[in-house]
Each structure stands twice: as structure tokens, then as C-alpha cells.
C-alpha atoms as a PDB file:
ATOM      1  CA  MET A   1       0.228   0.019   0.016  1.00  0.00           C
ATOM      2  CA  GLU A   2       1.660   3.300  -0.649  1.00  0.00           C
ATOM      3  CA  ILE A   3       1.495   5.419   2.236  1.00  0.00           C
ATOM      4  CA  LYS A   4       0.850   9.456   1.648  1.00  0.00           C
ATOM      5  CA  ILE A   5       3.609  11.360   3.289  1.00  0.00           C
ATOM      6  CA  THR A   6       2.120  14.714   5.082  1.00  0.00           C
ATOM      7  CA  ARG A   7       4.362  17.582   6.484  1.00  0.00           C
ATOM      8  CA  THR A   8       1.478  18.026   9.142  1.00  0.00           C
ATOM      9  CA  ALA A   9      -0.353  14.997  11.127  1.00  0.00           C
ATOM     10  CA  ASP A  10      -3.784  14.687  12.036  1.00  0.00           C
ATOM     11  CA  THR A  11      -3.594  13.357  15.567  1.00  0.00           C
ATOM     12  CA  ILE A  12      -1.235  14.695  18.409  1.00  0.00           C
ATOM     13  CA  LEU A  13       0.230  12.635  21.230  1.00  0.00           C
ATOM     14  CA  MET A  14      -0.038  14.781  24.504  1.00  0.00           C
ATOM     15  CA  VAL A  15       1.374  14.158  28.333  1.00  0.00           C
ATOM     16  CA  ARG A  16      -0.676  15.132  31.124  1.00  0.00           C
ATOM     17  CA  PRO A  17       1.583  16.240  33.722  1.00  0.00           C
ATOM     18  CA  LYS A  18       1.872  14.870  37.246  1.00  0.00           C
ATOM     19  CA  ASP A  19       5.053  17.050  38.704  1.00  0.00           C
ATOM     20  CA  PHE A  20       5.701  19.816  36.313  1.00  0.00           C
ATOM     21  CA  GLY A  21       8.083  22.876  37.750  1.00  0.00           C
ATOM     22  CA  TYR A  22      11.377  23.823  37.373  1.00  0.00           C
ATOM     23  CA  ASN A  23      13.967  21.422  35.987  1.00  0.00           C
ATOM     24  CA  LYS A  24      17.188  22.756  37.308  1.00  0.00           C
ATOM     25  CA  GLU A  25      18.792  19.929  35.510  1.00  0.00           C
ATOM     26  CA  THR A  26      17.169  21.179  32.238  1.00  0.00           C
ATOM     27  CA  GLY A  27      18.316  24.852  33.356  1.00  0.00           C
ATOM     28  CA  VAL A  28      21.782  24.347  32.724  1.00  0.00           C
ATOM     29  CA  ASP A  29      21.461  25.547  29.116  1.00  0.00           C
ATOM     30  CA  ASN A  30      17.878  25.885  28.628  1.00  0.00           C
ATOM     31  CA  GLU A  31      17.833  30.013  28.785  1.00  0.00           C
ATOM     32  CA  PHE A  32      13.688  30.078  27.850  1.00  0.00           C
ATOM     33  CA  GLN A  33      13.772  28.354  31.890  1.00  0.00           C
ATOM     34  CA  ASN A  34      12.997  30.922  34.875  1.00  0.00           C
ATOM     35  CA  LYS A  35      13.058  29.778  38.499  1.00  0.00           C
ATOM     36  CA  PRO A  36       9.495  30.562  40.186  1.00  0.00           C
ATOM     37  CA  ASP A  37       8.046  33.111  42.135  1.00  0.00           C
ATOM     38  CA  MET A  38       5.173  30.343  43.499  1.00  0.00           C
ATOM     39  CA  THR A  39       5.188  27.192  45.068  1.00  0.00           C
ATOM     40  CA  PRO A  40       5.327  23.921  43.533  1.00  0.00           C
ATOM     41  CA  GLU A  41       1.856  22.765  44.508  1.00  0.00           C
ATOM     42  CA  LEU A  42      -0.074  26.248  42.785  1.00  0.00           C
ATOM     43  CA  ILE A  43       2.419  25.748  39.210  1.00  0.00           C
ATOM     44  CA  ASN A  44       1.227  22.529  38.806  1.00  0.00           C
ATOM     45  CA  LYS A  45      -1.882  23.257  39.199  1.00  0.00           C
ATOM     46  CA  LYS A  46      -1.829  25.863  36.819  1.00  0.00           C
ATOM     47  CA  ALA A  47       0.694  23.856  34.368  1.00  0.00           C
ATOM     48  CA  ASN A  48      -2.436  20.959  34.373  1.00  0.00           C
ATOM     49  CA  GLU A  49      -5.163  23.833  33.527  1.00  0.00           C
ATOM     50  CA  GLU A  50      -3.273  25.045  31.157  1.00  0.00           C
ATOM     51  CA  PHE A  51      -2.497  22.017  29.397  1.00  0.00           C
ATOM     52  CA  GLN A  52      -6.190  20.998  29.334  1.00  0.00           C
ATOM     53  CA  ALA A  53      -7.814  24.025  28.007  1.00  0.00           C
ATOM     54  CA  MET A  54      -5.162  23.971  25.592  1.00  0.00           C
ATOM     55  CA  ALA A  55      -6.520  20.003  24.958  1.00  0.00           C
ATOM     56  CA  ASP A  56     -10.155  20.937  25.205  1.00  0.00           C
ATOM     57  CA  GLY A  57      -9.206  24.047  22.185  1.00  0.00           C
ATOM     58  CA  LEU A  58      -8.122  21.245  20.003  1.00  0.00           C
ATOM     59  CA  ARG A  59     -10.622  18.480  20.162  1.00  0.00           C
ATOM     60  CA  GLY A  60     -12.821  21.048  19.714  1.00  0.00           C
ATOM     61  CA  LYS A  61     -11.627  21.684  16.361  1.00  0.00           C
ATOM     62  CA  GLY A  62     -11.575  18.298  15.488  1.00  0.00           C
ATOM     63  CA  VAL A  63      -8.100  17.468  16.185  1.00  0.00           C
ATOM     64  CA  ILE A  64      -7.259  13.836  17.089  1.00  0.00           C
ATOM     65  CA  VAL A  65      -5.434  14.183  20.698  1.00  0.00           C
ATOM     66  CA  LEU A  66      -4.536  11.441  22.525  1.00  0.00           C
ATOM     67  CA  ILE A  67      -3.913  12.228  26.456  1.00  0.00           C
ATOM     68  CA  LEU A  68      -0.944   9.506  28.268  1.00  0.00           C
ATOM     69  CA  GLU A  69      -2.011   9.522  31.564  1.00  0.00           C
ATOM     70  CA  PRO A  70       0.492   9.604  34.303  1.00  0.00           C
ATOM     71  CA  PRO A  71       1.975   6.844  35.325  1.00  0.00           C
ATOM     72  CA  ILE A  72       0.349   5.949  39.416  1.00  0.00           C
ATOM     73  CA  SER A  73       3.748   5.641  40.211  1.00  0.00           C
ATOM     74  CA  GLN A  74       7.404   6.437  39.616  1.00  0.00           C
ATOM     75  CA  ASP A  75      10.739   6.555  41.105  1.00  0.00           C
ATOM     76  CA  VAL A  76      11.963   9.671  39.764  1.00  0.00           C
ATOM     77  CA  THR A  77      10.453  13.342  39.411  1.00  0.00           C
ATOM     78  CA  THR A  78       9.224  14.216  35.739  1.00  0.00           C
ATOM     79  CA  PRO A  79       9.349  17.914  35.952  1.00  0.00           C
ATOM     80  CA  ASP A  80       9.140  18.346  31.531  1.00  0.00           C
ATOM     81  CA  ALA A  81       7.083  15.162  30.918  1.00  0.00           C
ATOM     82  CA  ILE A  82       4.918  17.407  29.264  1.00  0.00           C
ATOM     83  CA  PHE A  83       7.125  18.032  26.023  1.00  0.00           C
ATOM     84  CA  PRO A  84       6.958  14.717  24.954  1.00  0.00           C
ATOM     85  CA  ASN A  85       8.198  15.353  21.459  1.00  0.00           C
ATOM     86  CA  ASN A  86      11.730  15.043  23.043  1.00  0.00           C
ATOM     87  CA  TRP A  87      12.084  12.042  23.248  1.00  0.00           C
ATOM     88  CA  PHE A  88       9.740   9.525  20.806  1.00  0.00           C
ATOM     89  CA  SER A  89       8.474  10.468  17.560  1.00  0.00           C
ATOM     90  CA  THR A  90       6.192   8.314  14.643  1.00  0.00           C
ATOM     91  CA  GLU A  91       7.207   8.067  11.257  1.00  0.00           C
ATOM     92  CA  HIS A  92       4.579   7.458   7.625  1.00  0.00           C
ATOM     93  CA  ASP A  93       5.645   4.239   7.952  1.00  0.00           C
ATOM     94  CA  GLY A  94       4.359   2.891  11.104  1.00  0.00           C
ATOM     95  CA  THR A  95       7.496   3.501  13.036  1.00  0.00           C
ATOM     96  CA  ILE A  96       8.340   4.645  16.431  1.00  0.00           C
ATOM     97  CA  LEU A  97      11.460   5.678  17.165  1.00  0.00           C
ATOM     98  CA  THR A  98      12.639   6.881  20.502  1.00  0.00           C
ATOM     99  CA  TYR A  99      15.794   8.923  20.955  1.00  0.00           C
ATOM    100  CA  PRO A 100      18.604   9.976  23.549  1.00  0.00           C
ATOM    101  CA  MET A 101      17.447  12.570  26.421  1.00  0.00           C
ATOM    102  CA  MET A 102      20.359  14.980  28.226  1.00  0.00           C
ATOM    103  CA  ALA A 103      19.431  15.471  32.069  1.00  0.00           C
ATOM    104  CA  LYS A 104      18.984  12.203  33.722  1.00  0.00           C
ATOM    105  CA  ASN A 105      15.293  13.276  35.040  1.00  0.00           C
ATOM    106  CA  ARG A 106      14.164  13.305  31.838  1.00  0.00           C
ATOM    107  CA  LYS A 107      14.841   9.650  30.414  1.00  0.00           C
ATOM    108  CA  ALA A 108      12.470   8.339  33.330  1.00  0.00           C
ATOM    109  CA  GLU A 109       9.659  10.952  31.120  1.00  0.00           C
ATOM    110  CA  ARG A 110      10.259   7.055  28.452  1.00  0.00           C
ATOM    111  CA  ARG A 111       7.367   5.047  28.537  1.00  0.00           C
ATOM    112  CA  LEU A 112       7.155   3.136  24.817  1.00  0.00           C
ATOM    113  CA  MET A 113       5.298   0.051  26.173  1.00  0.00           C
ATOM    114  CA  GLU A 114       2.344   2.967  27.084  1.00  0.00           C
ATOM    115  CA  ILE A 115       3.366   4.806  23.889  1.00  0.00           C
ATOM    116  CA  GLU A 116       2.829   1.535  22.145  1.00  0.00           C
ATOM    117  CA  ASN A 117      -0.467   0.625  24.127  1.00  0.00           C
ATOM    118  CA  LEU A 118      -1.972   4.113  22.844  1.00  0.00           C
ATOM    119  CA  LEU A 119      -1.409   3.840  19.719  1.00  0.00           C
ATOM    120  CA  ASN A 120      -3.053   0.418  18.963  1.00  0.00           C
ATOM    121  CA  LYS A 121      -6.268   1.036  21.523  1.00  0.00           C
ATOM    122  CA  ASN A 122      -6.739   3.595  18.638  1.00  0.00           C
ATOM    123  CA  ARG A 123      -5.780   2.058  15.991  1.00  0.00           C
ATOM    124  CA  TYR A 124      -2.596   3.069  14.581  1.00  0.00           C
ATOM    125  CA  THR A 125      -0.507   0.773  13.136  1.00  0.00           C
ATOM    126  CA  ILE A 126       2.907   0.093  14.657  1.00  0.00           C
ATOM    127  CA  ARG A 127       5.554  -1.598  12.011  1.00  0.00           C
ATOM    128  CA  ASN A 128       8.290  -0.882  14.154  1.00  0.00           C
ATOM    129  CA  CYS A 129      10.047   0.669  17.474  1.00  0.00           C
ATOM    130  CA  ILE A 130      13.775   2.014  17.456  1.00  0.00           C
ATOM    131  CA  ASN A 131      15.815   3.556  19.789  1.00  0.00           C
ATOM    132  CA  VAL A 132      18.318   6.085  17.899  1.00  0.00           C
ATOM    133  CA  GLY A 133      21.641   5.436  19.875  1.00  0.00           C
ATOM    134  CA  ARG A 134      23.008   3.766  22.829  1.00  0.00           C
ATOM    135  CA  LEU A 135      19.408   2.313  25.074  1.00  0.00           C
ATOM    136  CA  ASP A 136      22.539   3.757  27.844  1.00  0.00           C
ATOM    137  CA  GLU A 137      24.000   6.453  26.073  1.00  0.00           C
ATOM    138  CA  THR A 138      25.311   9.187  28.611  1.00  0.00           C
ATOM    139  CA  LYS A 139      27.577  11.847  25.323  1.00  0.00           C
ATOM    140  CA  ARG A 140      26.086  12.046  22.002  1.00  0.00           C
ATOM    141  CA  PHE A 141      21.953  13.122  22.997  1.00  0.00           C
ATOM    142  CA  LEU A 142      19.078  13.876  20.331  1.00  0.00           C
ATOM    143  CA  GLU A 143      16.935  15.663  21.681  1.00  0.00           C
ATOM    144  CA  GLY A 144      13.651  13.952  18.778  1.00  0.00           C
ATOM    145  CA  THR A 145      11.795  16.381  17.174  1.00  0.00           C
ATOM    146  CA  GLY A 146      12.744  19.357  19.969  1.00  0.00           C
ATOM    147  CA  SER A 147      16.666  19.195  17.941  1.00  0.00           C
ATOM    148  CA  LEU A 148      15.601  17.812  14.783  1.00  0.00           C
ATOM    149  CA  ILE A 149      12.652  19.842  12.180  1.00  0.00           C
ATOM    150  CA  ILE A 150      11.854  17.387   9.413  1.00  0.00           C
ATOM    151  CA  ASP A 151      10.944  17.705   5.950  1.00  0.00           C
ATOM    152  CA  PRO A 152       9.588  14.147   5.252  1.00  0.00           C
ATOM    153  CA  VAL A 153       8.209  15.123   1.692  1.00  0.00           C
ATOM    154  CA  ASP A 154      12.262  16.862   0.540  1.00  0.00           C
ATOM    155  CA  GLU A 155      13.588  14.037   3.095  1.00  0.00           C
ATOM    156  CA  VAL A 156      16.104  16.942   4.468  1.00  0.00           C
ATOM    157  CA  VAL A 157      16.345  17.405   8.416  1.00  0.00           C
ATOM    158  CA  TYR A 158      17.284  20.580   9.645  1.00  0.00           C
ATOM    159  CA  ALA A 159      19.178  20.916  13.207  1.00  0.00           C
ATOM    160  CA  ALA A 160      20.916  23.878  15.109  1.00  0.00           C
ATOM    161  CA  ARG A 161      23.692  22.038  16.898  1.00  0.00           C
ATOM    162  CA  SER A 162      24.001  21.888  20.604  1.00  0.00           C
ATOM    163  CA  GLU A 163      24.508  19.772  23.682  1.00  0.00           C
ATOM    164  CA  ARG A 164      20.632  18.050  22.530  1.00  0.00           C
ATOM    165  CA  CYS A 165      21.886  18.095  19.484  1.00  0.00           C
ATOM    166  CA  ASP A 166      25.185  15.622  18.601  1.00  0.00           C
ATOM    167  CA  PRO A 167      26.743  15.803  15.576  1.00  0.00           C
ATOM    168  CA  ASP A 168      27.435  12.075  14.829  1.00  0.00           C
ATOM    169  CA  GLN A 169      24.464  11.467  16.847  1.00  0.00           C
ATOM    170  CA  PHE A 170      22.749  13.896  14.151  1.00  0.00           C
ATOM    171  CA  ASP A 171      24.660  11.975  11.337  1.00  0.00           C
ATOM    172  CA  ASN A 172      23.167   8.213  12.211  1.00  0.00           C
ATOM    173  CA  PHE A 173      19.845   9.123  12.689  1.00  0.00           C
ATOM    174  CA  ILE A 174      19.991  10.455   8.988  1.00  0.00           C
ATOM    175  CA  ARG A 175      21.843   7.516   8.116  1.00  0.00           C
ATOM    176  CA  LEU A 176      18.841   5.205  10.082  1.00  0.00           C
ATOM    177  CA  ARG A 177      16.086   6.569   8.513  1.00  0.00           C
ATOM    178  CA  PHE A 178      17.975   6.936   5.255  1.00  0.00           C
ATOM    179  CA  TYR A 179      16.847  10.920   4.537  1.00  0.00           C
ATOM    180  CA  LEU A 180      18.428  12.433   1.570  1.00  0.00           C
ATOM    181  CA  GLU A 181      19.769  16.014   3.395  1.00  0.00           C
ATOM    182  CA  GLY A 182      20.846  15.724   7.034  1.00  0.00           C
ATOM    183  CA  ILE A 183      21.754  19.694   7.933  1.00  0.00           C
ATOM    184  CA  LEU A 184      23.486  21.125  10.494  1.00  0.00           C
ATOM    185  CA  PHE A 185      24.357  24.112  11.460  1.00  0.00           C
ATOM    186  CA  ASP A 186      25.700  26.627  14.632  1.00  0.00           C
ATOM    187  CA  THR A 187      23.250  28.775  16.274  1.00  0.00           C
ATOM    188  CA  LYS A 188      24.178  31.897  18.827  1.00  0.00           C
ATOM    189  CA  SER A 189      21.347  33.039  21.834  1.00  0.00           C
ATOM    190  CA  SER A 190      21.194  36.946  22.434  1.00  0.00           C
ATOM    191  CA  SER A 191      23.370  35.948  25.100  1.00  0.00           C
ATOM    192  CA  GLY A 192      26.016  34.364  23.087  1.00  0.00           C
ATOM    193  CA  ASN A 193      24.739  30.831  23.657  1.00  0.00           C
ATOM    194  CA  PRO A 194      24.383  28.017  21.247  1.00  0.00           C
ATOM    195  CA  ILE A 195      19.814  27.755  20.992  1.00  0.00           C
ATOM    196  CA  TYR A 196      19.085  24.911  23.035  1.00  0.00           C
ATOM    197  CA  HIS A 197      16.311  22.852  20.861  1.00  0.00           C
ATOM    198  CA  THR A 198      16.063  23.611  17.145  1.00  0.00           C
ATOM    199  CA  ASN A 199      12.067  23.770  17.422  1.00  0.00           C
ATOM    200  CA  VAL A 200      12.474  27.147  19.312  1.00  0.00           C
ATOM    201  CA  MET A 201      13.773  28.693  16.512  1.00  0.00           C
ATOM    202  CA  MET A 202      12.257  27.287  13.524  1.00  0.00           C
ATOM    203  CA  SER A 203       8.943  25.262  12.169  1.00  0.00           C
ATOM    204  CA  LEU A 204       7.604  23.966   9.246  1.00  0.00           C
ATOM    205  CA  GLY A 205       3.987  23.461   7.799  1.00  0.00           C
ATOM    206  CA  GLU A 206       3.375  22.427   4.638  1.00  0.00           C
ATOM    207  CA  LYS A 207       3.742  25.200   2.674  1.00  0.00           C
ATOM    208  CA  TYR A 208       5.495  27.384   5.045  1.00  0.00           C
ATOM    209  CA  ALA A 209       8.955  27.700   7.061  1.00  0.00           C
ATOM    210  CA  VAL A 210       8.845  30.109  10.460  1.00  0.00           C
ATOM    211  CA  ILE A 211      12.628  30.342  10.775  1.00  0.00           C
ATOM    212  CA  CYS A 212      15.077  32.772  13.154  1.00  0.00           C
ATOM    213  CA  LEU A 213      18.015  33.255  10.972  1.00  0.00           C
ATOM    214  CA  GLU A 214      19.720  36.218  12.767  1.00  0.00           C
ATOM    215  CA  CYS A 215      20.408  33.752  15.860  1.00  0.00           C
ATOM    216  CA  ILE A 216      22.571  31.601  12.438  1.00  0.00           C
ATOM    217  CA  PRO A 217      25.751  33.502  12.639  1.00  0.00           C
ATOM    218  CA  ASP A 218      27.573  31.661   9.892  1.00  0.00           C
ATOM    219  CA  LYS A 219      26.510  33.420   7.000  1.00  0.00           C
ATOM    220  CA  LYS A 220      27.297  30.138   4.460  1.00  0.00           C
ATOM    221  CA  GLN A 221      25.695  28.184   7.369  1.00  0.00           C
ATOM    222  CA  LYS A 222      22.307  30.991   7.254  1.00  0.00           C
ATOM    223  CA  ASN A 223      22.680  31.213   3.159  1.00  0.00           C
ATOM    224  CA  HIS A 224      23.031  27.184   2.429  1.00  0.00           C
ATOM    225  CA  VAL A 225      19.407  27.139   5.394  1.00  0.00           C
ATOM    226  CA  LEU A 226      17.297  29.390   3.547  1.00  0.00           C
ATOM    227  CA  ALA A 227      18.247  28.366   0.247  1.00  0.00           C
ATOM    228  CA  THR A 228      17.059  24.787   0.748  1.00  0.00           C
ATOM    229  CA  LEU A 229      14.037  26.016   2.956  1.00  0.00           C
ATOM    230  CA  ASN A 230      13.342  28.455  -0.450  1.00  0.00           C
ATOM    231  CA  LYS A 231      12.925  25.673  -2.659  1.00  0.00           C
ATOM    232  CA  SER A 232      10.012  24.000  -0.481  1.00  0.00           C
ATOM    233  CA  PHE A 233       9.000  26.813   1.578  1.00  0.00           C
ATOM    234  CA  ASN A 234       7.462  30.740   1.891  1.00  0.00           C
ATOM    235  CA  VAL A 235       9.672  31.596   4.411  1.00  0.00           C
ATOM    236  CA  MET A 236       8.833  33.997   7.239  1.00  0.00           C
ATOM    237  CA  GLU A 237      11.944  35.464   9.061  1.00  0.00           C
ATOM    238  CA  ILE A 238      11.040  36.283  12.672  1.00  0.00           C
ATOM    239  CA  THR A 239      13.623  38.156  15.353  1.00  0.00           C
ATOM    240  CA  MET A 240      15.787  36.949  17.981  1.00  0.00           C
ATOM    241  CA  ASP A 241      13.702  38.957  20.957  1.00  0.00           C
ATOM    242  CA  GLN A 242      10.031  36.899  18.925  1.00  0.00           C
ATOM    243  CA  MET A 243      11.832  33.729  19.401  1.00  0.00           C
ATOM    244  CA  GLU A 244      13.281  34.202  23.004  1.00  0.00           C
ATOM    245  CA  ASN A 245      10.374  35.965  24.213  1.00  0.00           C
ATOM    246  CA  HIS A 246       7.518  35.079  22.879  1.00  0.00           C
ATOM    247  CA  PHE A 247       8.035  31.852  21.448  1.00  0.00           C
ATOM    248  CA  CYS A 248       7.048  32.991  17.958  1.00  0.00           C
ATOM    249  CA  GLY A 249       9.440  29.728  16.985  1.00  0.00           C
ATOM    250  CA  ASN A 250       8.068  27.091  18.678  1.00  0.00           C
ATOM    251  CA  ILE A 251       4.721  27.024  16.671  1.00  0.00           C
ATOM    252  CA  LEU A 252       3.052  23.757  14.809  1.00  0.00           C
ATOM    253  CA  GLU A 253       0.816  23.154  11.794  1.00  0.00           C
ATOM    254  CA  VAL A 254      -2.046  20.521  12.799  1.00  0.00           C
ATOM    255  CA  ARG A 255      -5.204  19.103  10.924  1.00  0.00           C
ATOM    256  CA  ASN A 256      -8.107  18.160  11.602  1.00  0.00           C
ATOM    257  CA  GLN A 257     -10.690  14.868  10.476  1.00  0.00           C
ATOM    258  CA  LYS A 258     -11.837  17.706   7.541  1.00  0.00           C
ATOM    259  CA  ASN A 259      -8.171  18.723   6.692  1.00  0.00           C
ATOM    260  CA  ASP A 260      -9.139  22.195   7.605  1.00  0.00           C
ATOM    261  CA  SER A 261      -5.077  23.220   8.796  1.00  0.00           C
ATOM    262  CA  PHE A 262      -4.717  24.901  12.516  1.00  0.00           C
ATOM    263  CA  ILE A 263      -0.954  26.468  13.625  1.00  0.00           C
ATOM    264  CA  VAL A 264      -0.878  26.270  17.309  1.00  0.00           C
ATOM    265  CA  MET A 265       0.693  28.561  19.274  1.00  0.00           C
ATOM    266  CA  SER A 266       0.837  30.114  22.231  1.00  0.00           C
ATOM    267  CA  GLU A 267      -1.386  33.836  23.432  1.00  0.00           C
ATOM    268  CA  ASN A 268       1.814  34.884  24.131  1.00  0.00           C
ATOM    269  CA  ALA A 269       3.177  33.461  20.613  1.00  0.00           C
ATOM    270  CA  ARG A 270       0.283  35.313  19.118  1.00  0.00           C
ATOM    271  CA  GLN A 271       0.951  38.628  20.706  1.00  0.00           C
ATOM    272  CA  GLY A 272       4.686  38.454  19.232  1.00  0.00           C
ATOM    273  CA  PHE A 273       3.718  38.091  16.148  1.00  0.00           C
ATOM    274  CA  THR A 274       3.199  41.238  13.664  1.00  0.00           C
ATOM    275  CA  LYS A 275       0.137  42.049  12.315  1.00  0.00           C
ATOM    276  CA  ASP A 276       1.394  41.378   8.632  1.00  0.00           C
ATOM    277  CA  GLN A 277       3.122  38.121  10.337  1.00  0.00           C
ATOM    278  CA  LYS A 278      -0.130  36.911  11.153  1.00  0.00           C
ATOM    279  CA  ASN A 279      -1.746  37.471   8.189  1.00  0.00           C
ATOM    280  CA  PHE A 280       0.942  35.139   6.394  1.00  0.00           C
ATOM    281  CA  LEU A 281       0.195  32.554   8.484  1.00  0.00           C
ATOM    282  CA  GLU A 282      -3.199  32.842   7.690  1.00  0.00           C
ATOM    283  CA  GLN A 283      -3.215  32.195   4.733  1.00  0.00           C
ATOM    284  CA  TYR A 284      -1.772  28.438   5.507  1.00  0.00           C
ATOM    285  CA  GLY A 285      -4.327  28.070   8.880  1.00  0.00           C
ATOM    286  CA  LYS A 286      -6.323  29.164  10.905  1.00  0.00           C
ATOM    287  CA  ILE A 287      -4.381  30.294  14.262  1.00  0.00           C
ATOM    288  CA  LEU A 288      -5.360  28.877  17.323  1.00  0.00           C
ATOM    289  CA  SER A 289      -3.771  30.191  20.412  1.00  0.00           C
ATOM    290  CA  PHE A 290      -3.496  28.932  24.173  1.00  0.00           C
ATOM    291  CA  ASP A 291      -2.387  30.080  27.629  1.00  0.00           C
ATOM    292  CA  LEU A 292       0.430  29.096  28.026  1.00  0.00           C
ATOM    293  CA  SER A 293       2.420  31.383  30.249  1.00  0.00           C
ATOM    294  CA  ILE A 294       3.355  29.349  33.166  1.00  0.00           C
ATOM    295  CA  ILE A 295       4.511  26.273  30.562  1.00  0.00           C
ATOM    296  CA  GLU A 296       6.196  28.639  29.141  1.00  0.00           C
ATOM    297  CA  LYS A 297       8.074  30.513  32.305  1.00  0.00           C
ATOM    298  CA  ILE A 298       9.233  27.661  34.288  1.00  0.00           C
ATOM    299  CA  GLY A 299       9.613  25.249  31.521  1.00  0.00           C
ATOM    300  CA  GLY A 300      10.622  26.965  28.998  1.00  0.00           C
ATOM    301  CA  GLY A 301       8.969  24.977  26.072  1.00  0.00           C
ATOM    302  CA  SER A 302       5.645  25.957  24.390  1.00  0.00           C
ATOM    303  CA  ALA A 303       2.996  24.635  22.262  1.00  0.00           C
ATOM    304  CA  ARG A 304       4.650  22.890  19.678  1.00  0.00           C
ATOM    305  CA  CYS A 305       6.971  21.220  22.643  1.00  0.00           C
ATOM    306  CA  MET A 306       3.886  19.691  24.208  1.00  0.00           C
ATOM    307  CA  MET A 307       3.123  17.764  20.935  1.00  0.00           C
ATOM    308  CA  ALA A 308       4.067  14.847  19.982  1.00  0.00           C
ATOM    309  CA  GLU A 309       2.478  14.299  15.766  1.00  0.00           C
ATOM    310  CA  ILE A 310       1.374  10.784  14.627  1.00  0.00           C
ATOM    311  CA  PHE A 311       2.196   9.645  11.317  1.00  0.00           C
ATOM    312  CA  SER A 312       1.417   6.687  11.429  1.00  0.00           C
ATOM    313  CA  VAL A 313      -1.749   5.608   9.751  1.00  0.00           C
ATOM    314  CA  ARG A 314      -5.036   4.315  11.533  1.00  0.00           C
ATOM    315  CA  GLU A 315      -5.938   0.565  10.758  1.00  0.00           C
ATOM    316  CA  LYS A 316      -9.547   1.183   8.939  1.00  0.00           C
ATOM    317  CA  GLU A 317      -7.419   2.983   6.693  1.00  0.00           C
ATOM    318  CA  PHE A 318      -6.051   0.401   4.552  1.00  0.00           C
ATOM    319  CA  SER A 319      -9.323  -1.034   4.251  1.00  0.00           C
END
């Protein structure tokens, strides 16, 4: 059976937060995180409210949202479990990929069997489960679609080099999944540090790309990224301020069952875009924004980080 390859998914998976909070381990290189000024209990309560409002809002538009509930018990606190796209992704051929995470407490987020059970329950086809790198990887990290911006149509993968995106592991991923090209580039934030995840400075929709070119200092790398994007996408540039203070790069286009497109983002991102930029985006889908102020402030991630795309075909579509 021929599989239709698309850049956007009509199903996303979200993980309900159990112990969301400030993660000291990831705060080492995630400049988007802020230390809390409220109690852990209040932070977790507000994060759960933001999570549920987003899930309800997406479902209200006809987007399929699968929710992985928290484990009944666990030995390790997982404050970043709300960001599942870093440890697993899916591909159109029914493959689930898991990835080596840098922070020790983020390794505990990996719940492959539970993901497999949830997808099976909802009749999604699973053909392979593949781990990128070693199960006990301690040096060469690659944090899923946080690090990897994948164009499955043109078979190109973009990635910003960082502690969470090791060049050798990136090359390993490209070879493992037979992508035609992997484009690895260097970035610098306003404070001069590498951007911790590519998906805070770049997003691909079905026909457009949003990118902060300002944070790619090397002119040759910048031109290569832009030239490659221009082959298939209408490119919109965002500023460093929009990326760092509004999460304008951390957005995701999704579809509902009627094939209507929506561009999902935080309310902070929506307010950060200019009128012309919002008009640009609305050519390709309706903007859906959600208040994620606590999740963004404490967790250092936004709407895109909360959604793992499910590209696997549902069994009923084989008939």
C-alpha cells in the first residue's frame, strides 16, 4: 500500500503533567526557563489547567488528541514530561523512534510500551520501534523533534548543533532513516549561547517555514539553510526577540479530520507576531492560541513542545 507523506499530522499525543515544575537539570542550558516565584503545588495546578484547556481547544476543532496519563507511581520526578516530542517521534511508515535524552530525570519520561499500547488501542499501525543510539547513551544526545526539524516530503532534516544535538548522533539518525540530506548548523542566542532546541527557532508547515535567521551567525550556513527552505516553502523570518521572549518559533501546523489546517501556538506567541506576520500565517491555517504562560515561564518550552505528532496510519484506513 502506498503511504501518503505529509508534513502535518491530524493526530497529536500529549502527556498530562503530574509533577511539572522547574527542572534544575535542564536549566543548565535552557535559557528559556525561569526559576519560579510560586509554590510547586500552585505551579503544577496552573500547568494542568493550561494543558487541559489546550487539549480541549484542539479537540473542539476536530483535531485528534491522544492523552498519555501520568504513571501511577514512579521513582524519579519528571518535571518536563509535558514535552513528549523530545523523547519519541513517529513516521509515516508506522515507525516509533525513541531518542537519547541529556538530563537524567528526562530519561525517566521514556514510556515506550505505554505509547505503543495507547496507539494500539486507538488503531494506529505500529510496524517498528527503533531506538536512536544506545539505550544507555551518556554523551551523544539527540532530543527528538526538539532537535530535529524534519521535512518528510523532501527528506531533509534541519538541526541546530547543541549539547542536545550531537553531530555524530545526528548523522546516525540521517543514515538510520535514509533521509536524503541532513543540514546541521550553529546558532547563538542574544547572550551568545547555542539555542538548546531547534524547534524554538524554526517551524515547518505544509507550505511555509518560520525561522529566526538572526541566530545563525555563520553566513554560509545561513544561506544554505535559507536556500534549501526556499525550494519548497514560503519563508517567514522572525526576530531574536520574537523567538526568545514570545516563543514565535515554537509553533506547529496540525490538521483536523476535515483536513482543515490550524497553526497552534501560545497566546504569548500570537501577541508577539506582527499583524503582517499573522496575515502571512493565516494564508495557511487558522491560528489557534492558548494561554501557556506558566508552562513557558517555568518549563522553557511552548505549544509545539507539548505535541508529539502521530503520523502512523490508522488501521481502518487500510481497508
